[in-house]
Structure formats: structure tokens, C-alpha cells
Amino acid sequence: MQKKKNMAQMHLFVYIFIIILSLFIAVTNALIFCFEDINCPFDKCFPQLPKCINSFCECV
């Protein structure tokens, strides 16, 4: 009985870890650091223009 409980807790830990890791990856890919407008990739905001505002690329 104890072995099944430990397995369930391990699966829950792995699932939570995967969710947190995927959220972290999504957030870090959204924030692109820059120094000038030329550092911002154009494909991230195609209809709009990328601008460097407060050291982050933003679509304007």
C-alpha cells in the first residue's frame, strides 16, 4: 500500500514539474532583451513593428 502511495506522489511531482517547466519556457521565450530596435526579431510580431522599449522587445 505504501509503495502505491509513493508512486502516486512521484507521478504528481513529475507532472507538476513538467507544468512549471513549460510555463517557465513560455515566459522566457516571450521576453527578449535588446539594446536597440535592430536586436528585436521581426518574425515575432509580423503585422506590427518590433521596438526596443526599456531593454525589452515589444510589438508596436
C-alpha atoms as a PDB file:
ATOM      1  CA  MET A   1       0.000   0.000   0.000  1.00  0.00           C
ATOM      2  CA  GLN A   2       2.817   2.378   0.889  1.00  0.00           C
ATOM      3  CA  LYS A   3       4.556   1.655  -2.432  1.00  0.00           C
ATOM      4  CA  LYS A   4       1.472   2.718  -4.429  1.00  0.00           C
ATOM      5  CA  LYS A   5       1.208   5.941  -2.428  1.00  0.00           C
ATOM      6  CA  ASN A   6       4.870   6.757  -3.092  1.00  0.00           C
ATOM      7  CA  MET A   7       4.406   6.050  -6.809  1.00  0.00           C
ATOM      8  CA  ALA A   8       1.390   8.357  -6.940  1.00  0.00           C
ATOM      9  CA  GLN A   9       3.329  11.117  -5.207  1.00  0.00           C
ATOM     10  CA  MET A  10       6.222  10.670  -7.636  1.00  0.00           C
ATOM     11  CA  HIS A  11       3.904  10.927 -10.642  1.00  0.00           C
ATOM     12  CA  LEU A  12       2.285  14.034  -9.186  1.00  0.00           C
ATOM     13  CA  PHE A  13       5.716  15.617  -8.649  1.00  0.00           C
ATOM     14  CA  VAL A  14       6.748  14.853 -12.235  1.00  0.00           C
ATOM     15  CA  TYR A  15       3.500  16.303 -13.637  1.00  0.00           C
ATOM     16  CA  ILE A  16       3.830  19.494 -11.585  1.00  0.00           C
ATOM     17  CA  PHE A  17       7.498  19.807 -12.599  1.00  0.00           C
ATOM     18  CA  ILE A  18       6.600  19.496 -16.291  1.00  0.00           C
ATOM     19  CA  ILE A  19       3.877  22.142 -15.969  1.00  0.00           C
ATOM     20  CA  ILE A  20       6.161  24.593 -14.156  1.00  0.00           C
ATOM     21  CA  LEU A  21       8.986  23.961 -16.617  1.00  0.00           C
ATOM     22  CA  SER A  22       6.733  24.550 -19.618  1.00  0.00           C
ATOM     23  CA  LEU A  23       5.420  27.790 -18.107  1.00  0.00           C
ATOM     24  CA  PHE A  24       8.970  28.957 -17.461  1.00  0.00           C
ATOM     25  CA  ILE A  25       9.985  28.214 -21.040  1.00  0.00           C
ATOM     26  CA  ALA A  26       6.939  30.031 -22.403  1.00  0.00           C
ATOM     27  CA  VAL A  27       7.641  33.127 -20.311  1.00  0.00           C
ATOM     28  CA  THR A  28      11.348  33.281 -21.073  1.00  0.00           C
ATOM     29  CA  ASN A  29      10.730  32.954 -24.803  1.00  0.00           C
ATOM     30  CA  ALA A  30       8.283  35.841 -24.646  1.00  0.00           C
ATOM     31  CA  LEU A  31      10.800  38.233 -23.063  1.00  0.00           C
ATOM     32  CA  ILE A  32      13.560  39.188 -25.479  1.00  0.00           C
ATOM     33  CA  PHE A  33      16.239  41.529 -24.217  1.00  0.00           C
ATOM     34  CA  CYS A  34      17.554  44.213 -26.561  1.00  0.00           C
ATOM     35  CA  PHE A  35      19.703  47.321 -26.738  1.00  0.00           C
ATOM     36  CA  GLU A  36      18.383  48.770 -29.996  1.00  0.00           C
ATOM     37  CA  ASP A  37      15.406  48.159 -32.297  1.00  0.00           C
ATOM     38  CA  ILE A  38      17.596  46.126 -34.635  1.00  0.00           C
ATOM     39  CA  ASN A  39      18.076  43.468 -31.892  1.00  0.00           C
ATOM     40  CA  CYS A  40      14.377  42.600 -31.968  1.00  0.00           C
ATOM     41  CA  PRO A  41      13.335  39.788 -34.339  1.00  0.00           C
ATOM     42  CA  PHE A  42      10.777  40.770 -36.970  1.00  0.00           C
ATOM     43  CA  ASP A  43       9.081  37.360 -37.108  1.00  0.00           C
ATOM     44  CA  LYS A  44       7.811  37.567 -33.518  1.00  0.00           C
ATOM     45  CA  CYS A  45       5.331  40.356 -34.325  1.00  0.00           C
ATOM     46  CA  PHE A  46       4.782  40.173 -38.081  1.00  0.00           C
ATOM     47  CA  PRO A  47       1.961  42.662 -38.715  1.00  0.00           C
ATOM     48  CA  GLN A  48       3.455  45.106 -36.220  1.00  0.00           C
ATOM     49  CA  LEU A  49       6.952  46.502 -35.842  1.00  0.00           C
ATOM     50  CA  PRO A  50       9.273  45.356 -33.055  1.00  0.00           C
ATOM     51  CA  LYS A  51      10.663  48.154 -30.882  1.00  0.00           C
ATOM     52  CA  CYS A  52      13.169  48.093 -28.056  1.00  0.00           C
ATOM     53  CA  ILE A  53      11.409  49.651 -25.057  1.00  0.00           C
ATOM     54  CA  ASN A  54      13.068  49.566 -21.623  1.00  0.00           C
ATOM     55  CA  SER A  55      15.506  46.857 -22.823  1.00  0.00           C
ATOM     56  CA  PHE A  56      12.687  44.506 -23.914  1.00  0.00           C
ATOM     57  CA  CYS A  57      11.373  43.842 -27.403  1.00  0.00           C
ATOM     58  CA  GLU A  58       7.750  44.856 -27.740  1.00  0.00           C
ATOM     59  CA  CYS A  59       5.408  44.829 -30.719  1.00  0.00           C
ATOM     60  CA  VAL A  60       4.155  48.336 -31.513  1.00  0.00           C
END
